[in-house]
Amino acid sequence: MARGIKGKVAVVTGAAQGIGAGIVRRLLSEDAMVAAVDVQPIAMDAAGAGRLLSVTADVSTEAGCEAYLTQALAEFGRIDLFVNNAGILGASSDLAAMPFDEFQRVMAINVNSVFLGLRGVIRHMRERTGGGAIVNMSSVAALRAAKNRCAYAASKAAIIALTKSAAVETGRDNIRVNAVCPSAVDTPMSDLVDRARAAAGGQMNIADRPIPRKATPEEIADLVAYLLSDEARFQTGGAYMIDGGVTA
């Protein structure tokens, strides 16, 4: 168990599947109360009865952000922990061939949602005593280039910049803000990458990596839970790789 999560209220975006669902499960196992947010309805788990609120909202819009924050506060009365996880991969495209509308779509969902979530949650945390902890989901794609993923990489790099800015501005408010940078994780999004590579005649060389497999959502959730917990009370403004050694 991670110290300092039990009894706290967490909001997790992009919570319907993959990493987000794994984070929700982990926080519930830590006896937190969780508002799980996604653009699609989330199947409720009986294990979270009384401690899990499912919220359907478009996190890339101001109205959607306001909706999930309002519902979380109405249900639980406060927000102590926040995980900005929602994101999309976007179309596989060479930069020179990418339609501007597609670039904008990726940035809206991946970056606007993080900005709006940070803005709303920081405002709330500043108004109440005790501060809080925030984790933004970036990617190793922000740190190393890959073909045909310029929009995704740019969006994930922007998340690290937002994380650092927020950390600098909120440290004295007892609010900590960190980013997590996974490599390939066994999720539906990763399956899309695999299929796109296969269609282009390539494949991901997992066997050549130091740890020759994809991460599980639970392994990413372990790091997120640590950064949200009191065990990471002196850590803010960081971008933490969890990549099985791939960037090494």
C-alpha atoms as a PDB file:
ATOM      1  CA  MET A   1       0.000   0.000   0.000  1.00  0.00           C
ATOM      2  CA  ALA A   2       1.208   3.520  -0.819  1.00  0.00           C
ATOM      3  CA  ARG A   3       1.078   5.941   2.117  1.00  0.00           C
ATOM      4  CA  GLY A   4      -1.250   8.914   1.842  1.00  0.00           C
ATOM      5  CA  ILE A   5      -3.791   7.701  -0.728  1.00  0.00           C
ATOM      6  CA  LYS A   6      -6.346   5.975   1.500  1.00  0.00           C
ATOM      7  CA  GLY A   7      -9.486   8.051   1.928  1.00  0.00           C
ATOM      8  CA  LYS A   8      -8.479  10.672  -0.635  1.00  0.00           C
ATOM      9  CA  VAL A   9     -10.500  11.696  -3.681  1.00  0.00           C
ATOM     10  CA  ALA A  10      -8.954  11.133  -7.116  1.00  0.00           C
ATOM     11  CA  VAL A  11     -10.077  12.151 -10.592  1.00  0.00           C
ATOM     12  CA  VAL A  12      -8.760  10.036 -13.490  1.00  0.00           C
ATOM     13  CA  THR A  13      -9.402  10.964 -17.131  1.00  0.00           C
ATOM     14  CA  GLY A  14      -9.272   8.501 -20.007  1.00  0.00           C
ATOM     15  CA  ALA A  15     -10.444   5.889 -17.528  1.00  0.00           C
ATOM     16  CA  ALA A  16     -12.514   3.531 -19.669  1.00  0.00           C
ATOM     17  CA  GLN A  17      -9.708   1.215 -20.734  1.00  0.00           C
ATOM     18  CA  GLY A  18      -5.965   0.637 -20.858  1.00  0.00           C
ATOM     19  CA  ILE A  19      -3.706   2.624 -18.549  1.00  0.00           C
ATOM     20  CA  GLY A  20      -6.568   4.725 -17.201  1.00  0.00           C
ATOM     21  CA  ALA A  21      -8.586   1.697 -16.154  1.00  0.00           C
ATOM     22  CA  GLY A  22      -5.492   0.211 -14.525  1.00  0.00           C
ATOM     23  CA  ILE A  23      -4.955   3.415 -12.530  1.00  0.00           C
ATOM     24  CA  VAL A  24      -8.578   3.428 -11.370  1.00  0.00           C
ATOM     25  CA  ARG A  25      -8.275  -0.179 -10.191  1.00  0.00           C
ATOM     26  CA  ARG A  26      -5.052   0.619  -8.325  1.00  0.00           C
ATOM     27  CA  LEU A  27      -6.480   3.670  -6.578  1.00  0.00           C
ATOM     28  CA  LEU A  28      -9.585   1.755  -5.543  1.00  0.00           C
ATOM     29  CA  SER A  29      -7.333  -0.965  -4.113  1.00  0.00           C
ATOM     30  CA  GLU A  30      -5.679   1.799  -2.051  1.00  0.00           C
ATOM     31  CA  ASP A  31      -9.126   2.692  -0.630  1.00  0.00           C
ATOM     32  CA  ALA A  32      -9.327   5.999  -2.494  1.00  0.00           C
ATOM     33  CA  MET A  33     -12.559   7.440  -3.856  1.00  0.00           C
ATOM     34  CA  VAL A  34     -12.355   7.826  -7.636  1.00  0.00           C
ATOM     35  CA  ALA A  35     -14.187   9.859 -10.258  1.00  0.00           C
ATOM     36  CA  ALA A  36     -13.430   7.949 -13.476  1.00  0.00           C
ATOM     37  CA  VAL A  37     -13.877  10.155 -16.549  1.00  0.00           C
ATOM     38  CA  ASP A  38     -14.072   9.200 -20.208  1.00  0.00           C
ATOM     39  CA  VAL A  39     -15.782  10.311 -23.409  1.00  0.00           C
ATOM     40  CA  GLN A  40     -17.461   6.903 -23.500  1.00  0.00           C
ATOM     41  CA  PRO A  41     -19.513   5.383 -20.648  1.00  0.00           C
ATOM     42  CA  ILE A  42     -17.460   3.385 -18.153  1.00  0.00           C
ATOM     43  CA  ALA A  43     -18.580  -0.035 -16.954  1.00  0.00           C
ATOM     44  CA  MET A  44     -18.959   0.152 -13.187  1.00  0.00           C
ATOM     45  CA  ASP A  45     -17.034  -2.380 -11.116  1.00  0.00           C
ATOM     46  CA  ALA A  46     -18.870  -3.735  -8.098  1.00  0.00           C
ATOM     47  CA  ALA A  47     -15.569  -3.653  -6.194  1.00  0.00           C
ATOM     48  CA  GLY A  48     -15.750   0.121  -6.234  1.00  0.00           C
ATOM     49  CA  ALA A  49     -19.325   0.396  -4.968  1.00  0.00           C
ATOM     50  CA  GLY A  50     -19.761   3.641  -3.063  1.00  0.00           C
ATOM     51  CA  ARG A  51     -16.247   4.834  -3.942  1.00  0.00           C
ATOM     52  CA  LEU A  52     -16.387   4.978  -7.752  1.00  0.00           C
ATOM     53  CA  LEU A  53     -18.176   7.643  -9.786  1.00  0.00           C
ATOM     54  CA  SER A  54     -18.399   7.207 -13.551  1.00  0.00           C
ATOM     55  CA  VAL A  55     -18.491  10.484 -15.497  1.00  0.00           C
ATOM     56  CA  THR A  56     -18.994  10.780 -19.255  1.00  0.00           C
ATOM     57  CA  ALA A  57     -17.396  13.968 -20.601  1.00  0.00           C
ATOM     58  CA  ASP A  58     -15.321  15.332 -23.469  1.00  0.00           C
ATOM     59  CA  VAL A  59     -12.193  16.364 -21.547  1.00  0.00           C
ATOM     60  CA  SER A  60     -10.828  18.399 -24.486  1.00  0.00           C
ATOM     61  CA  THR A  61     -13.495  21.112 -24.059  1.00  0.00           C
ATOM     62  CA  GLU A  62     -14.047  23.682 -21.335  1.00  0.00           C
ATOM     63  CA  ALA A  63     -17.637  22.480 -20.903  1.00  0.00           C
ATOM     64  CA  GLY A  64     -16.508  18.857 -20.529  1.00  0.00           C
ATOM     65  CA  CYS A  65     -13.826  19.768 -18.004  1.00  0.00           C
ATOM     66  CA  GLU A  66     -16.279  21.830 -15.973  1.00  0.00           C
ATOM     67  CA  ALA A  67     -18.772  18.959 -16.082  1.00  0.00           C
ATOM     68  CA  TYR A  68     -16.449  16.309 -14.655  1.00  0.00           C
ATOM     69  CA  LEU A  69     -15.045  18.602 -11.980  1.00  0.00           C
ATOM     70  CA  THR A  70     -18.551  19.672 -10.936  1.00  0.00           C
ATOM     71  CA  GLN A  71     -19.759  16.069 -10.726  1.00  0.00           C
ATOM     72  CA  ALA A  72     -16.695  14.921  -8.784  1.00  0.00           C
ATOM     73  CA  LEU A  73     -17.083  17.743  -6.264  1.00  0.00           C
ATOM     74  CA  ALA A  74     -20.815  17.170  -5.939  1.00  0.00           C
ATOM     75  CA  GLU A  75     -20.241  13.479  -5.195  1.00  0.00           C
ATOM     76  CA  PHE A  76     -17.122  13.612  -3.011  1.00  0.00           C
ATOM     77  CA  GLY A  77     -16.799  17.249  -1.884  1.00  0.00           C
ATOM     78  CA  ARG A  78     -13.137  17.732  -2.800  1.00  0.00           C
ATOM     79  CA  ILE A  79     -10.321  16.633  -5.123  1.00  0.00           C
ATOM     80  CA  ASP A  80      -6.988  15.546  -3.631  1.00  0.00           C
ATOM     81  CA  LEU A  81      -5.419  13.628  -6.512  1.00  0.00           C
ATOM     82  CA  PHE A  82      -5.660  14.100 -10.275  1.00  0.00           C
ATOM     83  CA  VAL A  83      -4.455  11.947 -13.168  1.00  0.00           C
ATOM     84  CA  ASN A  84      -4.536  13.600 -16.605  1.00  0.00           C
ATOM     85  CA  ASN A  85      -4.476  10.404 -18.659  1.00  0.00           C
ATOM     86  CA  ALA A  86      -6.856  10.937 -21.595  1.00  0.00           C
ATOM     87  CA  GLY A  87      -5.201  10.869 -24.993  1.00  0.00           C
ATOM     88  CA  ILE A  88      -5.265   9.505 -28.530  1.00  0.00           C
ATOM     89  CA  LEU A  89      -2.611   8.220 -30.898  1.00  0.00           C
ATOM     90  CA  GLY A  90      -3.860  10.016 -33.992  1.00  0.00           C
ATOM     91  CA  ALA A  91      -3.375   9.021 -37.605  1.00  0.00           C
ATOM     92  CA  SER A  92      -0.126   7.471 -38.774  1.00  0.00           C
ATOM     93  CA  SER A  93       1.234  10.027 -41.240  1.00  0.00           C
ATOM     94  CA  ASP A  94       4.418  11.528 -42.574  1.00  0.00           C
ATOM     95  CA  LEU A  95       4.656  15.134 -41.350  1.00  0.00           C
ATOM     96  CA  ALA A  96       4.598  16.550 -44.867  1.00  0.00           C
ATOM     97  CA  ALA A  97       1.422  14.629 -45.663  1.00  0.00           C
ATOM     98  CA  MET A  98      -0.489  15.167 -42.414  1.00  0.00           C
ATOM     99  CA  PRO A  99      -3.737  17.147 -42.734  1.00  0.00           C
ATOM    100  CA  PHE A 100      -3.819  20.172 -40.430  1.00  0.00           C
ATOM    101  CA  ASP A 101      -7.204  19.099 -39.085  1.00  0.00           C
ATOM    102  CA  GLU A 102      -5.680  15.834 -37.852  1.00  0.00           C
ATOM    103  CA  PHE A 103      -2.782  17.622 -36.170  1.00  0.00           C
ATOM    104  CA  GLN A 104      -5.254  19.935 -34.450  1.00  0.00           C
ATOM    105  CA  ARG A 105      -7.398  16.993 -33.339  1.00  0.00           C
ATOM    106  CA  VAL A 106      -4.478  15.263 -31.628  1.00  0.00           C
ATOM    107  CA  MET A 107      -3.345  18.472 -29.935  1.00  0.00           C
ATOM    108  CA  ALA A 108      -6.892  19.267 -28.759  1.00  0.00           C
ATOM    109  CA  ILE A 109      -7.414  15.911 -27.103  1.00  0.00           C
ATOM    110  CA  ASN A 110      -3.893  15.345 -25.814  1.00  0.00           C
ATOM    111  CA  VAL A 111      -2.832  18.874 -24.840  1.00  0.00           C
ATOM    112  CA  ASN A 112      -5.973  20.979 -24.372  1.00  0.00           C
ATOM    113  CA  SER A 113      -7.390  18.353 -22.025  1.00  0.00           C
ATOM    114  CA  VAL A 114      -4.257  18.485 -19.865  1.00  0.00           C
ATOM    115  CA  PHE A 115      -4.248  22.289 -19.746  1.00  0.00           C
ATOM    116  CA  LEU A 116      -7.952  22.488 -18.914  1.00  0.00           C
ATOM    117  CA  GLY A 117      -7.704  19.766 -16.283  1.00  0.00           C
ATOM    118  CA  LEU A 118      -4.662  21.364 -14.664  1.00  0.00           C
ATOM    119  CA  ARG A 119      -6.301  24.789 -14.631  1.00  0.00           C
ATOM    120  CA  GLY A 120      -9.520  23.565 -13.048  1.00  0.00           C
ATOM    121  CA  VAL A 121      -7.930  21.254 -10.473  1.00  0.00           C
ATOM    122  CA  ILE A 122      -5.225  23.738  -9.443  1.00  0.00           C
ATOM    123  CA  ARG A 123      -7.869  26.401  -8.878  1.00  0.00           C
ATOM    124  CA  HIS A 124      -9.745  24.006  -6.606  1.00  0.00           C
ATOM    125  CA  MET A 125      -6.645  22.792  -4.748  1.00  0.00           C
ATOM    126  CA  ARG A 126      -5.509  26.355  -4.080  1.00  0.00           C
ATOM    127  CA  GLU A 127      -8.861  27.139  -2.455  1.00  0.00           C
ATOM    128  CA  ARG A 128      -8.678  24.313   0.069  1.00  0.00           C
ATOM    129  CA  THR A 129      -6.091  23.501   2.728  1.00  0.00           C
ATOM    130  CA  GLY A 130      -3.633  20.715   2.058  1.00  0.00           C
ATOM    131  CA  GLY A 131      -2.792  21.043  -1.634  1.00  0.00           C
ATOM    132  CA  GLY A 132      -2.697  17.854  -3.669  1.00  0.00           C
ATOM    133  CA  ALA A 133      -0.829  15.713  -6.190  1.00  0.00           C
ATOM    134  CA  ILE A 134      -1.198  15.588  -9.973  1.00  0.00           C
ATOM    135  CA  VAL A 135       0.206  13.192 -12.571  1.00  0.00           C
ATOM    136  CA  ASN A 136       0.092  13.938 -16.312  1.00  0.00           C
ATOM    137  CA  MET A 137       0.513  11.085 -18.787  1.00  0.00           C
ATOM    138  CA  SER A 138       3.233  11.828 -21.332  1.00  0.00           C
ATOM    139  CA  SER A 139       5.234   9.237 -23.300  1.00  0.00           C
ATOM    140  CA  VAL A 140       8.749   8.266 -24.332  1.00  0.00           C
ATOM    141  CA  ALA A 141       7.559   9.581 -27.715  1.00  0.00           C
ATOM    142  CA  ALA A 142       8.231  13.033 -26.257  1.00  0.00           C
ATOM    143  CA  LEU A 143      11.882  12.098 -25.790  1.00  0.00           C
ATOM    144  CA  ARG A 144      12.739  10.064 -28.874  1.00  0.00           C
ATOM    145  CA  ALA A 145      11.374  10.455 -32.409  1.00  0.00           C
ATOM    146  CA  ALA A 146       9.440   7.853 -34.365  1.00  0.00           C
ATOM    147  CA  LYS A 147       8.369   7.985 -37.988  1.00  0.00           C
ATOM    148  CA  ASN A 148       4.810   9.064 -38.774  1.00  0.00           C
ATOM    149  CA  ARG A 149       4.009  10.183 -35.199  1.00  0.00           C
ATOM    150  CA  CYS A 150       4.831  13.916 -35.257  1.00  0.00           C
ATOM    151  CA  ALA A 151       1.489  15.070 -33.784  1.00  0.00           C
ATOM    152  CA  TYR A 152       1.536  12.491 -31.006  1.00  0.00           C
ATOM    153  CA  ALA A 153       5.171  13.247 -30.141  1.00  0.00           C
ATOM    154  CA  ALA A 154       4.578  17.008 -30.155  1.00  0.00           C
ATOM    155  CA  SER A 155       1.545  16.630 -27.903  1.00  0.00           C
ATOM    156  CA  LYS A 156       3.400  14.476 -25.391  1.00  0.00           C
ATOM    157  CA  ALA A 157       6.354  16.891 -25.314  1.00  0.00           C
ATOM    158  CA  ALA A 158       3.916  19.730 -24.628  1.00  0.00           C
ATOM    159  CA  ILE A 159       2.583  17.762 -21.649  1.00  0.00           C
ATOM    160  CA  ILE A 160       6.054  17.663 -20.090  1.00  0.00           C
ATOM    161  CA  ALA A 161       6.363  21.440 -20.547  1.00  0.00           C
ATOM    162  CA  LEU A 162       2.946  22.010 -18.958  1.00  0.00           C
ATOM    163  CA  THR A 163       3.932  19.717 -16.096  1.00  0.00           C
ATOM    164  CA  LYS A 164       7.105  21.675 -15.358  1.00  0.00           C
ATOM    165  CA  SER A 165       5.325  25.030 -15.581  1.00  0.00           C
ATOM    166  CA  ALA A 166       2.558  23.865 -13.253  1.00  0.00           C
ATOM    167  CA  ALA A 167       5.066  22.432 -10.775  1.00  0.00           C
ATOM    168  CA  VAL A 168       7.024  25.701 -10.616  1.00  0.00           C
ATOM    169  CA  GLU A 169       3.841  27.716 -10.090  1.00  0.00           C
ATOM    170  CA  THR A 170       2.210  25.505  -7.453  1.00  0.00           C
ATOM    171  CA  GLY A 171       4.990  24.168  -5.242  1.00  0.00           C
ATOM    172  CA  ARG A 172       4.379  26.789  -2.562  1.00  0.00           C
ATOM    173  CA  ASP A 173       0.694  25.821  -2.571  1.00  0.00           C
ATOM    174  CA  ASN A 174       1.684  22.287  -1.515  1.00  0.00           C
ATOM    175  CA  ILE A 175       0.642  20.966  -4.917  1.00  0.00           C
ATOM    176  CA  ARG A 176       2.966  18.517  -6.662  1.00  0.00           C
ATOM    177  CA  VAL A 177       2.822  17.962 -10.429  1.00  0.00           C
ATOM    178  CA  ASN A 178       4.730  15.204 -12.243  1.00  0.00           C
ATOM    179  CA  ALA A 179       4.626  13.447 -15.610  1.00  0.00           C
ATOM    180  CA  VAL A 180       4.964   9.760 -16.458  1.00  0.00           C
ATOM    181  CA  CYS A 181       6.512   8.663 -19.759  1.00  0.00           C
ATOM    182  CA  PRO A 182       5.705   5.051 -20.675  1.00  0.00           C
ATOM    183  CA  SER A 183       6.956   3.184 -23.695  1.00  0.00           C
ATOM    184  CA  ALA A 184       4.768   0.493 -25.271  1.00  0.00           C
ATOM    185  CA  VAL A 185       2.035  -0.731 -22.936  1.00  0.00           C
ATOM    186  CA  ASP A 186      -0.257  -3.688 -23.555  1.00  0.00           C
ATOM    187  CA  THR A 187      -3.363  -1.623 -24.358  1.00  0.00           C
ATOM    188  CA  PRO A 188      -5.753  -1.085 -27.301  1.00  0.00           C
ATOM    189  CA  MET A 189      -3.718   2.024 -28.307  1.00  0.00           C
ATOM    190  CA  SER A 190      -0.552  -0.065 -28.518  1.00  0.00           C
ATOM    191  CA  ASP A 191      -2.424  -2.570 -30.676  1.00  0.00           C
ATOM    192  CA  LEU A 192      -3.199   0.269 -33.119  1.00  0.00           C
ATOM    193  CA  VAL A 193       0.521   1.068 -33.360  1.00  0.00           C
ATOM    194  CA  ASP A 194       1.337  -2.577 -34.033  1.00  0.00           C
ATOM    195  CA  ARG A 195      -1.270  -2.790 -36.787  1.00  0.00           C
ATOM    196  CA  ALA A 196      -0.065   0.451 -38.411  1.00  0.00           C
ATOM    197  CA  ARG A 197       3.525  -0.811 -38.407  1.00  0.00           C
ATOM    198  CA  ALA A 198       2.460  -4.157 -39.866  1.00  0.00           C
ATOM    199  CA  ALA A 199       0.495  -2.402 -42.616  1.00  0.00           C
ATOM    200  CA  ALA A 200       3.647  -0.450 -43.499  1.00  0.00           C
ATOM    201  CA  GLY A 201       5.686  -3.657 -43.600  1.00  0.00           C
ATOM    202  CA  GLY A 202       7.474  -3.168 -40.281  1.00  0.00           C
ATOM    203  CA  GLN A 203       7.213  -4.419 -36.724  1.00  0.00           C
ATOM    204  CA  MET A 204       8.161  -3.368 -33.192  1.00  0.00           C
ATOM    205  CA  ASN A 205      11.377  -5.103 -32.134  1.00  0.00           C
ATOM    206  CA  ILE A 206      10.297  -5.857 -28.582  1.00  0.00           C
ATOM    207  CA  ALA A 207      12.718  -8.787 -28.381  1.00  0.00           C
ATOM    208  CA  ASP A 208      15.683  -6.408 -28.814  1.00  0.00           C
ATOM    209  CA  ARG A 209      14.793  -4.281 -25.778  1.00  0.00           C
ATOM    210  CA  PRO A 210      16.497  -4.645 -22.372  1.00  0.00           C
ATOM    211  CA  ILE A 211      13.206  -5.899 -20.904  1.00  0.00           C
ATOM    212  CA  PRO A 212      11.813  -7.707 -23.956  1.00  0.00           C
ATOM    213  CA  ARG A 213       8.073  -7.131 -23.539  1.00  0.00           C
ATOM    214  CA  LYS A 214       5.456  -4.428 -23.282  1.00  0.00           C
ATOM    215  CA  ALA A 215       4.509  -2.986 -19.891  1.00  0.00           C
ATOM    216  CA  THR A 216       1.174  -3.828 -18.334  1.00  0.00           C
ATOM    217  CA  PRO A 217      -1.293  -1.103 -17.314  1.00  0.00           C
ATOM    218  CA  GLU A 218      -0.789  -2.232 -13.726  1.00  0.00           C
ATOM    219  CA  GLU A 219       2.947  -1.473 -13.914  1.00  0.00           C
ATOM    220  CA  ILE A 220       2.229   2.067 -15.087  1.00  0.00           C
ATOM    221  CA  ALA A 221      -0.380   2.404 -12.340  1.00  0.00           C
ATOM    222  CA  ASP A 222       2.243   1.409  -9.754  1.00  0.00           C
ATOM    223  CA  LEU A 223       4.400   4.415 -10.682  1.00  0.00           C
ATOM    224  CA  VAL A 224       1.401   6.753 -10.827  1.00  0.00           C
ATOM    225  CA  ALA A 225       0.254   5.623  -7.373  1.00  0.00           C
ATOM    226  CA  TYR A 226       3.740   6.240  -5.987  1.00  0.00           C
ATOM    227  CA  LEU A 227       3.875   9.777  -7.425  1.00  0.00           C
ATOM    228  CA  LEU A 228       0.434  10.540  -6.006  1.00  0.00           C
ATOM    229  CA  SER A 229       1.368   9.192  -2.588  1.00  0.00           C
ATOM    230  CA  ASP A 230       3.093  10.798   0.387  1.00  0.00           C
ATOM    231  CA  GLU A 231       6.128   8.663  -0.425  1.00  0.00           C
ATOM    232  CA  ALA A 232       6.856  11.092  -3.301  1.00  0.00           C
ATOM    233  CA  ARG A 233       6.270  14.192  -1.176  1.00  0.00           C
ATOM    234  CA  PHE A 234       9.522  15.885  -2.342  1.00  0.00           C
ATOM    235  CA  GLN A 235       9.063  15.090  -6.031  1.00  0.00           C
ATOM    236  CA  THR A 236       7.567  17.671  -8.373  1.00  0.00           C
ATOM    237  CA  GLY A 237       8.265  18.829 -11.913  1.00  0.00           C
ATOM    238  CA  GLY A 238       9.682  15.475 -12.945  1.00  0.00           C
ATOM    239  CA  ALA A 239       9.133  13.455 -16.128  1.00  0.00           C
ATOM    240  CA  TYR A 240       9.623   9.818 -15.171  1.00  0.00           C
ATOM    241  CA  MET A 241      10.393   7.202 -17.805  1.00  0.00           C
ATOM    242  CA  ILE A 242       8.906   3.752 -17.360  1.00  0.00           C
ATOM    243  CA  ASP A 243      10.094   2.074 -20.517  1.00  0.00           C
ATOM    244  CA  GLY A 244      11.876  -1.194 -19.783  1.00  0.00           C
ATOM    245  CA  GLY A 245      15.161   0.459 -20.712  1.00  0.00           C
ATOM    246  CA  VAL A 246      14.225   1.338 -24.303  1.00  0.00           C
ATOM    247  CA  THR A 247      15.525   4.930 -24.108  1.00  0.00           C
ATOM    248  CA  ALA A 248      18.831   3.655 -22.708  1.00  0.00           C
END
